Amino acid sequence: MSNDDPRDASLETKFVFPNTWYRDDADSLSTSGVFFSGLVMVTRNRYLAWPGVLFALNSTINQHALRAKEGSGGALGNLALSVMALLASYLPYVTVTAKPSS
């Protein structure tokens, strides 16, 4: 067998996780999701809630637990905030009914 054959048992090494991977850059999509969620709460514009939910889903799907710094906020909190902003923006359409005055 040649030395670069991947089936060679002598070339096997034990799989080891790295100690930590640090991500120094900020997640701008996650920050945008939080911004849109806050903007929905302030302006009551329900159409701004949808991009917030999409950004939160993106940050939740693309999170890397081993690359996050210890103590950093998780993406699930961002997702929960975005979903609650979406629910709060559509809740008046479900609960508030206009009755004609007689």
PDB file of N, CA and C in Angstrom:
ATOM      1  N   MET A   1       0.826  -1.188   0.000  1.00  0.00           N
ATOM      2  CA  MET A   1       0.000   0.000   0.000  1.00  0.00           C
ATOM      3  C   MET A   1       0.871   1.254   0.000  1.00  0.00           C
ATOM      4  N   SER A   2       0.310   2.316  -0.542  1.00  0.00           N
ATOM      5  CA  SER A   2       1.074   3.563  -0.541  1.00  0.00           C
ATOM      6  C   SER A   2       0.898   4.276   0.809  1.00  0.00           C
ATOM      7  N   ASN A   3       1.729   5.270   1.044  1.00  0.00           N
ATOM      8  CA  ASN A   3       1.695   5.977   2.336  1.00  0.00           C
ATOM      9  C   ASN A   3       0.509   6.922   2.469  1.00  0.00           C
ATOM     10  N   ASP A   4      -0.118   7.281   1.374  1.00  0.00           N
ATOM     11  CA  ASP A   4      -1.235   8.216   1.465  1.00  0.00           C
ATOM     12  C   ASP A   4      -2.590   7.535   1.283  1.00  0.00           C
ATOM     13  N   ASP A   5      -2.637   6.237   1.440  1.00  0.00           N
ATOM     14  CA  ASP A   5      -3.900   5.505   1.309  1.00  0.00           C
ATOM     15  C   ASP A   5      -4.745   5.743   2.568  1.00  0.00           C
ATOM     16  N   PRO A   6      -5.979   6.282   2.450  1.00  0.00           N
ATOM     17  CA  PRO A   6      -6.791   6.578   3.636  1.00  0.00           C
ATOM     18  C   PRO A   6      -7.290   5.320   4.345  1.00  0.00           C
ATOM     19  N   ARG A   7      -7.191   4.187   3.717  1.00  0.00           N
ATOM     20  CA  ARG A   7      -7.642   2.942   4.357  1.00  0.00           C
ATOM     21  C   ARG A   7      -6.557   2.299   5.209  1.00  0.00           C
ATOM     22  N   ASP A   8      -5.365   2.848   5.207  1.00  0.00           N
ATOM     23  CA  ASP A   8      -4.254   2.283   5.961  1.00  0.00           C
ATOM     24  C   ASP A   8      -4.499   2.483   7.455  1.00  0.00           C
ATOM     25  N   ALA A   9      -4.526   1.419   8.222  1.00  0.00           N
ATOM     26  CA  ALA A   9      -4.820   1.487   9.658  1.00  0.00           C
ATOM     27  C   ALA A   9      -3.707   2.168  10.443  1.00  0.00           C
ATOM     28  N   SER A  10      -2.506   2.172   9.933  1.00  0.00           N
ATOM     29  CA  SER A  10      -1.405   2.797  10.669  1.00  0.00           C
ATOM     30  C   SER A  10      -1.465   4.322  10.619  1.00  0.00           C
ATOM     31  N   LEU A  11      -2.276   4.876   9.717  1.00  0.00           N
ATOM     32  CA  LEU A  11      -2.407   6.330   9.613  1.00  0.00           C
ATOM     33  C   LEU A  11      -3.543   6.886  10.462  1.00  0.00           C
ATOM     34  N   GLU A  12      -4.226   6.047  11.215  1.00  0.00           N
ATOM     35  CA  GLU A  12      -5.341   6.498  12.037  1.00  0.00           C
ATOM     36  C   GLU A  12      -4.844   7.325  13.210  1.00  0.00           C
ATOM     37  N   THR A  13      -5.599   8.369  13.533  1.00  0.00           N
ATOM     38  CA  THR A  13      -5.321   9.185  14.714  1.00  0.00           C
ATOM     39  C   THR A  13      -6.611   9.334  15.505  1.00  0.00           C
ATOM     40  N   LYS A  14      -6.477   9.541  16.776  1.00  0.00           N
ATOM     41  CA  LYS A  14      -7.640   9.692  17.642  1.00  0.00           C
ATOM     42  C   LYS A  14      -8.262  11.069  17.416  1.00  0.00           C
ATOM     43  N   PHE A  15      -9.598  11.109  17.354  1.00  0.00           N
ATOM     44  CA  PHE A  15     -10.305  12.374  17.170  1.00  0.00           C
ATOM     45  C   PHE A  15     -10.343  13.124  18.495  1.00  0.00           C
ATOM     46  N   VAL A  16      -9.906  14.382  18.455  1.00  0.00           N
ATOM     47  CA  VAL A  16      -9.859  15.207  19.651  1.00  0.00           C
ATOM     48  C   VAL A  16     -10.502  16.557  19.324  1.00  0.00           C
ATOM     49  N   PHE A  17     -11.434  16.996  20.167  1.00  0.00           N
ATOM     50  CA  PHE A  17     -12.014  18.318  19.997  1.00  0.00           C
ATOM     51  C   PHE A  17     -10.984  19.380  20.356  1.00  0.00           C
ATOM     52  N   PRO A  18     -11.004  20.525  19.699  1.00  0.00           N
ATOM     53  CA  PRO A  18     -10.097  21.608  20.093  1.00  0.00           C
ATOM     54  C   PRO A  18     -10.524  22.182  21.438  1.00  0.00           C
ATOM     55  N   ASN A  19      -9.591  22.832  22.113  1.00  0.00           N
ATOM     56  CA  ASN A  19      -9.907  23.409  23.425  1.00  0.00           C
ATOM     57  C   ASN A  19     -11.039  24.417  23.303  1.00  0.00           C
ATOM     58  N   THR A  20     -10.848  25.458  22.553  1.00  0.00           N
ATOM     59  CA  THR A  20     -11.900  26.429  22.271  1.00  0.00           C
ATOM     60  C   THR A  20     -11.584  27.120  20.964  1.00  0.00           C
ATOM     61  N   TRP A  21     -12.610  27.584  20.314  1.00  0.00           N
ATOM     62  CA  TRP A  21     -12.470  28.439  19.146  1.00  0.00           C
ATOM     63  C   TRP A  21     -13.149  29.739  19.495  1.00  0.00           C
ATOM     64  N   TYR A  22     -12.447  30.805  19.359  1.00  0.00           N
ATOM     65  CA  TYR A  22     -13.029  32.101  19.681  1.00  0.00           C
ATOM     66  C   TYR A  22     -13.420  32.817  18.411  1.00  0.00           C
ATOM     67  N   ARG A  23     -14.579  33.386  18.461  1.00  0.00           N
ATOM     68  CA  ARG A  23     -15.075  34.176  17.345  1.00  0.00           C
ATOM     69  C   ARG A  23     -14.966  35.640  17.755  1.00  0.00           C
ATOM     70  N   ASP A  24     -14.111  36.374  17.079  1.00  0.00           N
ATOM     71  CA  ASP A  24     -13.881  37.759  17.452  1.00  0.00           C
ATOM     72  C   ASP A  24     -14.843  38.716  16.774  1.00  0.00           C
ATOM     73  N   ASP A  25     -15.404  38.322  15.647  1.00  0.00           N
ATOM     74  CA  ASP A  25     -16.299  39.223  14.931  1.00  0.00           C
ATOM     75  C   ASP A  25     -17.721  39.112  15.487  1.00  0.00           C
ATOM     76  N   ALA A  26     -18.469  40.187  15.363  1.00  0.00           N
ATOM     77  CA  ALA A  26     -19.840  40.216  15.842  1.00  0.00           C
ATOM     78  C   ALA A  26     -20.764  39.609  14.794  1.00  0.00           C
ATOM     79  N   ASP A  27     -21.827  39.005  15.239  1.00  0.00           N
ATOM     80  CA  ASP A  27     -22.825  38.433  14.335  1.00  0.00           C
ATOM     81  C   ASP A  27     -23.810  39.533  13.981  1.00  0.00           C
ATOM     82  N   SER A  28     -23.633  40.122  12.812  1.00  0.00           N
ATOM     83  CA  SER A  28     -24.442  41.279  12.438  1.00  0.00           C
ATOM     84  C   SER A  28     -25.889  40.901  12.145  1.00  0.00           C
ATOM     85  N   LEU A  29     -26.147  39.708  11.638  1.00  0.00           N
ATOM     86  CA  LEU A  29     -27.527  39.305  11.384  1.00  0.00           C
ATOM     87  C   LEU A  29     -28.294  39.095  12.686  1.00  0.00           C
ATOM     88  N   SER A  30     -27.631  38.559  13.678  1.00  0.00           N
ATOM     89  CA  SER A  30     -28.280  38.391  14.975  1.00  0.00           C
ATOM     90  C   SER A  30     -28.588  39.745  15.599  1.00  0.00           C
ATOM     91  N   THR A  31     -27.668  40.672  15.476  1.00  0.00           N
ATOM     92  CA  THR A  31     -27.900  42.021  15.990  1.00  0.00           C
ATOM     93  C   THR A  31     -29.033  42.702  15.240  1.00  0.00           C
ATOM     94  N   SER A  32     -29.118  42.482  13.944  1.00  0.00           N
ATOM     95  CA  SER A  32     -30.212  43.050  13.156  1.00  0.00           C
ATOM     96  C   SER A  32     -31.551  42.465  13.577  1.00  0.00           C
ATOM     97  N   GLY A  33     -31.587  41.179  13.902  1.00  0.00           N
ATOM     98  CA  GLY A  33     -32.818  40.553  14.373  1.00  0.00           C
ATOM     99  C   GLY A  33     -33.305  41.156  15.678  1.00  0.00           C
ATOM    100  N   VAL A  34     -32.385  41.412  16.594  1.00  0.00           N
ATOM    101  CA  VAL A  34     -32.756  42.053  17.862  1.00  0.00           C
ATOM    102  C   VAL A  34     -33.235  43.480  17.603  1.00  0.00           C
ATOM    103  N   PHE A  35     -32.571  44.186  16.697  1.00  0.00           N
ATOM    104  CA  PHE A  35     -32.977  45.551  16.365  1.00  0.00           C
ATOM    105  C   PHE A  35     -34.387  45.580  15.777  1.00  0.00           C
ATOM    106  N   PHE A  36     -34.667  44.678  14.834  1.00  0.00           N
ATOM    107  CA  PHE A  36     -36.002  44.625  14.235  1.00  0.00           C
ATOM    108  C   PHE A  36     -37.061  44.262  15.269  1.00  0.00           C
ATOM    109  N   SER A  37     -36.737  43.364  16.183  1.00  0.00           N
ATOM    110  CA  SER A  37     -37.700  42.981  17.215  1.00  0.00           C
ATOM    111  C   SER A  37     -38.012  44.158  18.130  1.00  0.00           C
ATOM    112  N   GLY A  38     -37.001  44.903  18.496  1.00  0.00           N
ATOM    113  CA  GLY A  38     -37.235  46.091  19.307  1.00  0.00           C
ATOM    114  C   GLY A  38     -38.001  47.152  18.549  1.00  0.00           C
ATOM    115  N   LEU A  39     -37.728  47.287  17.279  1.00  0.00           N
ATOM    116  CA  LEU A  39     -38.433  48.264  16.455  1.00  0.00           C
ATOM    117  C   LEU A  39     -39.907  47.897  16.304  1.00  0.00           C
ATOM    118  N   VAL A  40     -40.198  46.615  16.232  1.00  0.00           N
ATOM    119  CA  VAL A  40     -41.590  46.166  16.169  1.00  0.00           C
ATOM    120  C   VAL A  40     -42.320  46.540  17.450  1.00  0.00           C
ATOM    121  N   MET A  41     -41.669  46.342  18.576  1.00  0.00           N
ATOM    122  CA  MET A  41     -42.302  46.664  19.858  1.00  0.00           C
ATOM    123  C   MET A  41     -42.577  48.157  19.987  1.00  0.00           C
ATOM    124  N   VAL A  42     -41.707  48.982  19.449  1.00  0.00           N
ATOM    125  CA  VAL A  42     -41.871  50.430  19.580  1.00  0.00           C
ATOM    126  C   VAL A  42     -42.860  50.980  18.561  1.00  0.00           C
ATOM    127  N   THR A  43     -42.765  50.547  17.317  1.00  0.00           N
ATOM    128  CA  THR A  43     -43.572  51.146  16.257  1.00  0.00           C
ATOM    129  C   THR A  43     -44.860  50.381  15.955  1.00  0.00           C
ATOM    130  N   ARG A  44     -44.990  49.170  16.449  1.00  0.00           N
ATOM    131  CA  ARG A  44     -46.139  48.298  16.177  1.00  0.00           C
ATOM    132  C   ARG A  44     -46.308  48.016  14.686  1.00  0.00           C
ATOM    133  N   ASN A  45     -45.233  48.036  13.965  1.00  0.00           N
ATOM    134  CA  ASN A  45     -45.256  47.717  12.543  1.00  0.00           C
ATOM    135  C   ASN A  45     -45.046  46.216  12.398  1.00  0.00           C
ATOM    136  N   ARG A  46     -46.111  45.495  12.080  1.00  0.00           N
ATOM    137  CA  ARG A  46     -46.037  44.036  12.070  1.00  0.00           C
ATOM    138  C   ARG A  46     -45.185  43.493  10.928  1.00  0.00           C
ATOM    139  N   TYR A  47     -44.998  44.279   9.882  1.00  0.00           N
ATOM    140  CA  TYR A  47     -44.206  43.792   8.751  1.00  0.00           C
ATOM    141  C   TYR A  47     -42.712  43.736   9.071  1.00  0.00           C
ATOM    142  N   LEU A  48     -42.263  44.469  10.047  1.00  0.00           N
ATOM    143  CA  LEU A  48     -40.857  44.416  10.446  1.00  0.00           C
ATOM    144  C   LEU A  48     -40.547  43.185  11.300  1.00  0.00           C
ATOM    145  N   ALA A  49     -41.568  42.505  11.771  1.00  0.00           N
ATOM    146  CA  ALA A  49     -41.333  41.322  12.601  1.00  0.00           C
ATOM    147  C   ALA A  49     -40.833  40.144  11.766  1.00  0.00           C
ATOM    148  N   TRP A  50     -41.250  40.058  10.521  1.00  0.00           N
ATOM    149  CA  TRP A  50     -40.842  38.929   9.682  1.00  0.00           C
ATOM    150  C   TRP A  50     -39.347  38.915   9.383  1.00  0.00           C
ATOM    151  N   PRO A  51     -38.718  40.046   9.004  1.00  0.00           N
ATOM    152  CA  PRO A  51     -37.253  39.976   8.836  1.00  0.00           C
ATOM    153  C   PRO A  51     -36.535  39.666  10.147  1.00  0.00           C
ATOM    154  N   GLY A  52     -37.087  40.135  11.263  1.00  0.00           N
ATOM    155  CA  GLY A  52     -36.479  39.811  12.555  1.00  0.00           C
ATOM    156  C   GLY A  52     -36.493  38.321  12.830  1.00  0.00           C
ATOM    157  N   VAL A  53     -37.599  37.663  12.503  1.00  0.00           N
ATOM    158  CA  VAL A  53     -37.689  36.211  12.698  1.00  0.00           C
ATOM    159  C   VAL A  53     -36.733  35.489  11.746  1.00  0.00           C
ATOM    160  N   LEU A  54     -36.647  35.961  10.518  1.00  0.00           N
ATOM    161  CA  LEU A  54     -35.719  35.323   9.574  1.00  0.00           C
ATOM    162  C   LEU A  54     -34.267  35.470  10.014  1.00  0.00           C
ATOM    163  N   PHE A  55     -33.904  36.652  10.496  1.00  0.00           N
ATOM    164  CA  PHE A  55     -32.537  36.847  10.987  1.00  0.00           C
ATOM    165  C   PHE A  55     -32.271  35.991  12.220  1.00  0.00           C
ATOM    166  N   ALA A  56     -33.264  35.856  13.083  1.00  0.00           N
ATOM    167  CA  ALA A  56     -33.095  35.029  14.283  1.00  0.00           C
ATOM    168  C   ALA A  56     -32.959  33.550  13.909  1.00  0.00           C
ATOM    169  N   LEU A  57     -33.750  33.096  12.949  1.00  0.00           N
ATOM    170  CA  LEU A  57     -33.600  31.715  12.489  1.00  0.00           C
ATOM    171  C   LEU A  57     -32.229  31.482  11.874  1.00  0.00           C
ATOM    172  N   ASN A  58     -31.753  32.453  11.121  1.00  0.00           N
ATOM    173  CA  ASN A  58     -30.429  32.345  10.512  1.00  0.00           C
ATOM    174  C   ASN A  58     -29.344  32.244  11.585  1.00  0.00           C
ATOM    175  N   SER A  59     -29.435  33.074  12.602  1.00  0.00           N
ATOM    176  CA  SER A  59     -28.409  33.026  13.646  1.00  0.00           C
ATOM    177  C   SER A  59     -28.515  31.758  14.479  1.00  0.00           C
ATOM    178  N   THR A  60     -29.742  31.214  14.638  1.00  0.00           N
ATOM    179  CA  THR A  60     -29.902  29.968  15.380  1.00  0.00           C
ATOM    180  C   THR A  60     -29.332  28.789  14.597  1.00  0.00           C
ATOM    181  N   ILE A  61     -29.597  28.767  13.301  1.00  0.00           N
ATOM    182  CA  ILE A  61     -29.095  27.669  12.473  1.00  0.00           C
ATOM    183  C   ILE A  61     -27.573  27.733  12.349  1.00  0.00           C
ATOM    184  N   ASN A  62     -27.017  28.919  12.261  1.00  0.00           N
ATOM    185  CA  ASN A  62     -25.584  29.078  12.020  1.00  0.00           C
ATOM    186  C   ASN A  62     -24.755  29.241  13.280  1.00  0.00           C
ATOM    187  N   GLN A  63     -25.308  28.964  14.434  1.00  0.00           N
ATOM    188  CA  GLN A  63     -24.514  29.115  15.646  1.00  0.00           C
ATOM    189  C   GLN A  63     -23.517  27.969  15.777  1.00  0.00           C
ATOM    190  N   HIS A  64     -22.367  28.266  16.335  1.00  0.00           N
ATOM    191  CA  HIS A  64     -21.323  27.279  16.581  1.00  0.00           C
ATOM    192  C   HIS A  64     -21.007  27.339  18.068  1.00  0.00           C
ATOM    193  N   ALA A  65     -21.454  26.339  18.774  1.00  0.00           N
ATOM    194  CA  ALA A  65     -21.304  26.354  20.230  1.00  0.00           C
ATOM    195  C   ALA A  65     -19.840  26.361  20.660  1.00  0.00           C
ATOM    196  N   LEU A  66     -18.985  25.690  19.912  1.00  0.00           N
ATOM    197  CA  LEU A  66     -17.584  25.641  20.294  1.00  0.00           C
ATOM    198  C   LEU A  66     -16.849  26.936  19.971  1.00  0.00           C
ATOM    199  N   ARG A  67     -17.399  27.747  19.073  1.00  0.00           N
ATOM    200  CA  ARG A  67     -16.738  28.990  18.696  1.00  0.00           C
ATOM    201  C   ARG A  67     -17.199  30.179  19.510  1.00  0.00           C
ATOM    202  N   ALA A  68     -18.250  30.031  20.274  1.00  0.00           N
ATOM    203  CA  ALA A  68     -18.785  31.155  21.044  1.00  0.00           C
ATOM    204  C   ALA A  68     -17.948  31.372  22.290  1.00  0.00           C
ATOM    205  N   LYS A  69     -17.802  32.631  22.645  1.00  0.00           N
ATOM    206  CA  LYS A  69     -17.087  32.940  23.878  1.00  0.00           C
ATOM    207  C   LYS A  69     -17.960  32.599  25.070  1.00  0.00           C
ATOM    208  N   GLU A  70     -17.318  32.309  26.167  1.00  0.00           N
ATOM    209  CA  GLU A  70     -18.060  31.934  27.354  1.00  0.00           C
ATOM    210  C   GLU A  70     -18.811  33.150  27.897  1.00  0.00           C
ATOM    211  N   GLY A  71     -20.080  32.961  28.177  1.00  0.00           N
ATOM    212  CA  GLY A  71     -20.893  34.049  28.695  1.00  0.00           C
ATOM    213  C   GLY A  71     -21.575  34.871  27.619  1.00  0.00           C
ATOM    214  N   SER A  72     -21.377  34.523  26.354  1.00  0.00           N
ATOM    215  CA  SER A  72     -22.033  35.281  25.297  1.00  0.00           C
ATOM    216  C   SER A  72     -23.476  34.815  25.169  1.00  0.00           C
ATOM    217  N   GLY A  73     -24.322  35.721  24.712  1.00  0.00           N
ATOM    218  CA  GLY A  73     -25.729  35.401  24.564  1.00  0.00           C
ATOM    219  C   GLY A  73     -25.950  34.387  23.469  1.00  0.00           C
ATOM    220  N   GLY A  74     -26.863  33.507  23.691  1.00  0.00           N
ATOM    221  CA  GLY A  74     -27.141  32.485  22.698  1.00  0.00           C
ATOM    222  C   GLY A  74     -28.138  32.955  21.657  1.00  0.00           C
ATOM    223  N   ALA A  75     -28.245  32.181  20.611  1.00  0.00           N
ATOM    224  CA  ALA A  75     -29.157  32.530  19.531  1.00  0.00           C
ATOM    225  C   ALA A  75     -30.599  32.194  19.876  1.00  0.00           C
ATOM    226  N   LEU A  76     -30.808  31.332  20.859  1.00  0.00           N
ATOM    227  CA  LEU A  76     -32.180  30.977  21.217  1.00  0.00           C
ATOM    228  C   LEU A  76     -32.905  32.145  21.884  1.00  0.00           C
ATOM    229  N   GLY A  77     -32.197  32.963  22.617  1.00  0.00           N
ATOM    230  CA  GLY A  77     -32.811  34.157  23.197  1.00  0.00           C
ATOM    231  C   GLY A  77     -33.243  35.143  22.126  1.00  0.00           C
ATOM    232  N   ASN A  78     -32.424  35.271  21.101  1.00  0.00           N
ATOM    233  CA  ASN A  78     -32.760  36.124  19.968  1.00  0.00           C
ATOM    234  C   ASN A  78     -33.984  35.584  19.237  1.00  0.00           C
ATOM    235  N   LEU A  79     -34.048  34.280  19.059  1.00  0.00           N
ATOM    236  CA  LEU A  79     -35.192  33.661  18.399  1.00  0.00           C
ATOM    237  C   LEU A  79     -36.461  33.845  19.230  1.00  0.00           C
ATOM    238  N   ALA A  80     -36.365  33.680  20.524  1.00  0.00           N
ATOM    239  CA  ALA A  80     -37.529  33.861  21.387  1.00  0.00           C
ATOM    240  C   ALA A  80     -38.024  35.306  21.344  1.00  0.00           C
ATOM    241  N   LEU A  81     -37.109  36.259  21.361  1.00  0.00           N
ATOM    242  CA  LEU A  81     -37.493  37.666  21.286  1.00  0.00           C
ATOM    243  C   LEU A  81     -38.179  37.979  19.966  1.00  0.00           C
ATOM    244  N   SER A  82     -37.676  37.450  18.886  1.00  0.00           N
ATOM    245  CA  SER A  82     -38.261  37.710  17.569  1.00  0.00           C
ATOM    246  C   SER A  82     -39.647  37.087  17.430  1.00  0.00           C
ATOM    247  N   VAL A  83     -39.805  35.881  17.936  1.00  0.00           N
ATOM    248  CA  VAL A  83     -41.113  35.227  17.865  1.00  0.00           C
ATOM    249  C   VAL A  83     -42.119  35.958  18.752  1.00  0.00           C
ATOM    250  N   MET A  84     -41.690  36.403  19.924  1.00  0.00           N
ATOM    251  CA  MET A  84     -42.593  37.160  20.795  1.00  0.00           C
ATOM    252  C   MET A  84     -42.969  38.508  20.176  1.00  0.00           C
ATOM    253  N   ALA A  85     -42.053  39.136  19.480  1.00  0.00           N
ATOM    254  CA  ALA A  85     -42.379  40.385  18.789  1.00  0.00           C
ATOM    255  C   ALA A  85     -43.380  40.133  17.678  1.00  0.00           C
ATOM    256  N   LEU A  86     -43.231  39.013  16.990  1.00  0.00           N
ATOM    257  CA  LEU A  86     -44.187  38.648  15.945  1.00  0.00           C
ATOM    258  C   LEU A  86     -45.566  38.384  16.539  1.00  0.00           C
ATOM    259  N   LEU A  87     -45.615  37.650  17.636  1.00  0.00           N
ATOM    260  CA  LEU A  87     -46.894  37.386  18.294  1.00  0.00           C
ATOM    261  C   LEU A  87     -47.519  38.662  18.835  1.00  0.00           C
ATOM    262  N   ALA A  88     -46.709  39.533  19.407  1.00  0.00           N
ATOM    263  CA  ALA A  88     -47.237  40.784  19.961  1.00  0.00           C
ATOM    264  C   ALA A  88     -47.748  41.707  18.875  1.00  0.00           C
ATOM    265  N   SER A  89     -47.183  41.634  17.692  1.00  0.00           N
ATOM    266  CA  SER A  89     -47.644  42.505  16.618  1.00  0.00           C
ATOM    267  C   SER A  89     -48.960  42.021  16.005  1.00  0.00           C
ATOM    268  N   TYR A  90     -49.201  40.717  16.032  1.00  0.00           N
ATOM    269  CA  TYR A  90     -50.441  40.181  15.468  1.00  0.00           C
ATOM    270  C   TYR A  90     -51.514  39.911  16.516  1.00  0.00           C
ATOM    271  N   LEU A  91     -51.205  39.995  17.772  1.00  0.00           N
ATOM    272  CA  LEU A  91     -52.157  39.717  18.846  1.00  0.00           C
ATOM    273  C   LEU A  91     -53.366  40.653  18.843  1.00  0.00           C
ATOM    274  N   PRO A  92     -53.218  41.947  18.576  1.00  0.00           N
ATOM    275  CA  PRO A  92     -54.413  42.803  18.551  1.00  0.00           C
ATOM    276  C   PRO A  92     -55.419  42.423  17.463  1.00  0.00           C
ATOM    277  N   TYR A  93     -54.979  41.820  16.398  1.00  0.00           N
ATOM    278  CA  TYR A  93     -55.915  41.398  15.357  1.00  0.00           C
ATOM    279  C   TYR A  93     -56.768  40.224  15.794  1.00  0.00           C
ATOM    280  N   VAL A  94     -56.276  39.461  16.750  1.00  0.00           N
ATOM    281  CA  VAL A  94     -56.997  38.290  17.212  1.00  0.00           C
ATOM    282  C   VAL A  94     -57.872  38.616  18.413  1.00  0.00           C
ATOM    283  N   THR A  95     -57.385  39.455  19.324  1.00  0.00           N
ATOM    284  CA  THR A  95     -58.092  39.672  20.575  1.00  0.00           C
ATOM    285  C   THR A  95     -59.020  40.882  20.549  1.00  0.00           C
ATOM    286  N   VAL A  96     -58.654  41.942  19.880  1.00  0.00           N
ATOM    287  CA  VAL A  96     -59.445  43.161  19.898  1.00  0.00           C
ATOM    288  C   VAL A  96     -60.468  43.103  18.766  1.00  0.00           C
ATOM    289  N   THR A  97     -61.726  43.199  19.119  1.00  0.00           N
ATOM    290  CA  THR A  97     -62.778  43.224  18.118  1.00  0.00           C
ATOM    291  C   THR A  97     -63.507  44.551  18.206  1.00  0.00           C
ATOM    292  N   ALA A  98     -63.799  45.117  17.073  1.00  0.00           N
ATOM    293  CA  ALA A  98     -64.496  46.395  17.048  1.00  0.00           C
ATOM    294  C   ALA A  98     -65.998  46.129  16.925  1.00  0.00           C
ATOM    295  N   LYS A  99     -66.735  46.610  17.926  1.00  0.00           N
ATOM    296  CA  LYS A  99     -68.188  46.463  17.907  1.00  0.00           C
ATOM    297  C   LYS A  99     -68.792  47.808  17.543  1.00  0.00           C
ATOM    298  N   PRO A 100     -69.705  47.807  16.606  1.00  0.00           N
ATOM    299  CA  PRO A 100     -70.329  49.094  16.262  1.00  0.00           C
ATOM    300  C   PRO A 100     -71.182  49.598  17.416  1.00  0.00           C
ATOM    301  N   SER A 101     -71.062  50.881  17.671  1.00  0.00           N
ATOM    302  CA  SER A 101     -71.847  51.472  18.771  1.00  0.00           C
ATOM    303  C   SER A 101     -73.261  51.742  18.282  1.00  0.00           C
ATOM    304  N   SER A 102     -74.241  51.442  19.129  1.00  0.00           N
ATOM    305  CA  SER A 102     -75.641  51.658  18.753  1.00  0.00           C
ATOM    306  C   SER A 102     -76.189  52.922  19.324  1.00  0.00           C
TER     307      SER A 102
END
